[in-house]
Structure formats: C-alpha cells, structure tokens
Protein backbone atom coordinates (compact mmCIF):
# COMPACT_ATOMS: atom_id res chain seq x y z
CA MET A 1 101.63 123.39 110.39
CA THR A 2 103.63 123.62 113.59
CA ASP A 3 107.17 122.27 113.88
CA ALA A 4 105.83 119.48 116.12
CA GLU A 5 103.21 118.49 113.54
CA ILE A 6 105.81 118.40 110.78
CA GLN A 7 108.16 116.33 112.94
CA ASP A 8 105.28 113.94 113.65
CA PHE A 9 104.59 113.62 109.91
CA ILE A 10 108.28 112.89 109.20
CA THR A 11 108.37 110.27 111.97
CA GLN A 12 105.22 108.57 110.67
CA PHE A 13 106.51 108.60 107.07
CA ALA A 14 109.85 107.06 108.06
CA ALA A 15 108.06 104.46 110.22
CA ALA A 16 105.76 103.52 107.31
CA TRP A 17 108.84 102.94 105.15
CA ALA A 18 110.61 100.98 107.89
CA ALA A 19 107.59 98.70 108.28
CA ARG A 20 106.76 98.82 104.56
CA ASP A 21 103.19 98.97 105.73
CA GLY A 22 100.60 99.90 103.10
CA GLU A 23 98.03 100.86 105.73
CA ALA A 24 100.51 103.17 107.44
CA PHE A 25 101.17 104.89 104.11
CA LEU A 26 97.46 105.23 103.40
CA ALA A 27 96.96 106.88 106.80
CA LEU A 28 99.34 109.66 105.70
CA TRP A 29 97.43 110.48 102.50
CA HIS A 30 94.39 112.48 101.61
CA PRO A 31 92.11 110.20 99.57
CA ASP A 32 92.38 112.70 96.71
CA GLY A 33 96.18 113.06 97.07
CA VAL A 34 98.45 112.40 94.10
CA LEU A 35 101.92 110.82 93.83
CA ARG A 36 104.13 111.65 90.87
CA THR A 37 107.24 109.51 90.55
CA PRO A 38 109.59 108.76 87.64
CA LEU A 39 109.21 105.04 88.40
CA VAL A 40 105.59 104.91 87.26
CA ASP A 41 104.28 106.29 83.97
CA ARG A 42 101.18 107.94 85.45
CA PRO A 43 100.11 109.85 88.54
CA ILE A 44 99.18 107.53 91.42
CA ALA A 45 96.09 108.34 93.48
CA GLY A 46 96.59 108.38 97.25
CA LYS A 47 94.06 105.58 97.62
CA GLU A 48 96.35 103.36 95.45
CA LEU A 49 99.37 103.67 97.74
CA GLY A 50 98.61 100.55 99.73
CA ARG A 51 98.63 98.39 96.61
CA LEU A 52 101.72 100.14 95.22
CA ASN A 53 103.50 99.38 98.49
CA ASP A 54 102.45 95.70 98.23
CA VAL A 55 103.78 95.43 94.67
CA GLN A 56 107.05 97.09 95.65
CA ARG A 57 107.49 94.87 98.70
CA GLU A 58 106.93 91.73 96.58
CA ALA A 59 109.37 92.89 93.89
CA THR A 60 112.09 94.11 96.29
CA PRO A 61 111.71 92.37 99.66
CA ASP A 62 115.20 93.44 100.78
CA LEU A 63 114.73 97.15 100.01
CA VAL A 64 115.72 99.44 102.88
CA TRP A 65 114.63 103.09 102.85
CA GLN A 66 116.60 105.54 104.97
CA LEU A 67 115.78 109.13 105.88
CA LEU A 68 118.85 111.33 105.35
CA ASP A 69 117.56 114.85 105.92
CA TRP A 70 114.45 117.00 105.72
CA SER A 71 113.30 120.59 105.64
CA SER A 72 109.97 122.41 105.59
CA ARG A 73 108.34 125.73 104.90
CA GLY A 74 104.64 126.23 105.49
CA ASP A 75 102.76 123.24 104.07
CA ILE A 76 105.76 122.05 102.00
CA VAL A 77 108.04 119.30 103.33
CA ILE A 78 111.18 118.09 101.55
CA ILE A 79 112.70 114.73 102.47
CA GLU A 80 116.07 113.46 101.25
CA TRP A 81 116.35 109.67 101.31
CA GLN A 82 118.46 106.71 100.26
CA CYS A 83 117.31 103.24 99.24
CA THR A 84 119.55 100.19 99.50
CA ARG A 85 119.22 96.59 98.42
CA GLN A 86 121.39 93.65 97.43
CA VAL A 87 121.75 92.90 93.72
CA GLY A 88 123.90 89.99 92.60
CA GLY A 89 125.44 89.82 96.05
CA LYS A 90 126.50 93.47 95.95
CA ARG A 91 125.09 96.46 97.77
CA PHE A 92 123.19 98.76 95.44
CA ASP A 93 121.94 102.15 96.61
CA TRP A 94 120.43 105.29 95.17
CA ARG A 95 119.22 108.61 96.52
CA GLY A 96 116.32 110.92 95.89
CA VAL A 97 114.18 113.70 97.22
CA ASP A 98 110.45 113.79 97.88
CA LYS A 99 108.58 117.08 97.93
CA PHE A 100 105.26 116.98 99.77
CA ARG A 101 102.43 119.47 99.85
CA LEU A 102 100.46 118.75 103.01
CA ARG A 103 96.86 119.62 103.73
CA ASP A 104 95.49 119.11 107.24
CA GLY A 105 98.66 117.16 108.08
CA LYS A 106 98.18 114.66 105.24
CA ILE A 107 99.80 114.35 101.83
CA ALA A 108 97.88 116.22 99.14
CA GLU A 109 100.72 115.86 96.62
CA GLU A 110 104.07 114.08 96.54
CA ARG A 111 106.68 114.51 93.82
CA VAL A 112 109.67 112.17 93.75
CA TYR A 113 112.90 113.42 92.22
CA MET A 114 115.70 110.97 91.47
CA ASP A 115 118.15 110.00 88.77
CA THR A 116 116.78 106.78 87.30
CA ALA A 117 119.84 105.90 85.17
CA LEU A 118 121.24 103.37 87.65
CA LEU A 119 117.87 101.69 88.19
CA ARG A 120 117.19 101.49 84.45
CA ALA A 121 120.63 99.98 83.84
CA LEU A 122 120.02 97.41 86.55
CA ARG A 123 116.54 96.59 85.22
CA SER A 124 117.89 96.07 81.69
CA GLY A 125 120.71 93.81 82.88
CA VAL A 126 123.48 96.36 82.31
CA ASP A 127 126.18 96.70 84.96
CA PRO A 128 125.40 100.05 86.62
CA GLU A 129 128.90 100.52 88.04
CA PRO A 130 130.35 102.36 84.99
CA ILE A 131 127.39 104.78 85.18
CA ARG A 132 127.97 105.32 88.89
CA GLN A 133 131.70 105.91 88.33
CA ALA A 134 131.14 108.28 85.41
CA ALA A 135 128.56 110.26 87.38
CA GLY A 136 131.07 110.59 90.21
CA GLN A 137 133.62 111.98 87.74
CA GLY A 138 131.25 114.62 86.40
CA VAL A 139 130.67 112.99 83.00
CA ALA A 140 127.48 114.38 81.43
CA PHE A 141 124.77 112.06 80.13
CA GLU A 142 122.01 112.81 77.67
CA PRO A 143 118.55 112.75 79.28
CA LEU A 144 116.98 109.30 79.08
CA SER A 145 113.33 108.38 79.20
CA VAL A 146 112.04 107.30 82.60
CA LEU A 147 111.32 103.70 83.54
C-alpha cells in the first residue's frame, strides 16, 4: 500500500470511531476479516462489526475514542489509541494498540492489545484508582483472565 492509501485508511478508521458508525466500520473490513480483542471471548468476524458497534454504543454512549499515533510497514498498520468516558462523575480513560493486517486496503485481521485490569475492576464495581496508581508506580500484577 502507498503512504496515501494508508493515510486514507487511518482517516476512515478514526472517522468511523468518531461517528461510532457501524456501516463505516463494515466498509473498512473484508467480509472474511477477523477481530481478536481481549474484551470478547471469541474471534469476531468482520461481518459482525456493525452489530458489535451497536452493542458498544448502547452500553457506553459517552465513549470517546482518540487516535494518538500510528505507524505502518507494508500491509501492517499499528494504531495507538485512547478511550475516555465518564464513570461515577469522574473521567475514566485507558489506552491500547490495534495491529491491522490489510488486504486490498481493507482489514483482513485486527488484534487489539490493552491492559484490561482497569476495565475489569470497573465492571466488577471495584475502584480502579488504586490499580491505576500502582501501575504508575511500577508495581507488578499477576496476569488476570480477560473480561
């Protein structure tokens, strides 16, 4: 892919997130593409992305996704991002990285990498702030199962 084609892909991906538009996400995917994310316990087919987006939008209507940085080499694109939302009147944010393998300018495979400890604490009703503070101080945690 050319630099212009990769930039176009990045722009379309960020716009799909900004609009939280399931159809815009679907337009970026090969029908046989696969998403692997620690937030779901199985691979997600590209054709399911529209519905996944709908479920996510219903569950977290205030979620804001922000592109932080990106890089590419050949058909591989890496995007660093941050998500933010309000929880209990406080700002809550987390970061991750998506690694894409593109085919014909569309996503053939996406792998999401992120630390899920804060999200799991929040989901279980535990205050995530001590986890955030400990992580900032370099305290090691045992690996935990994904959501």
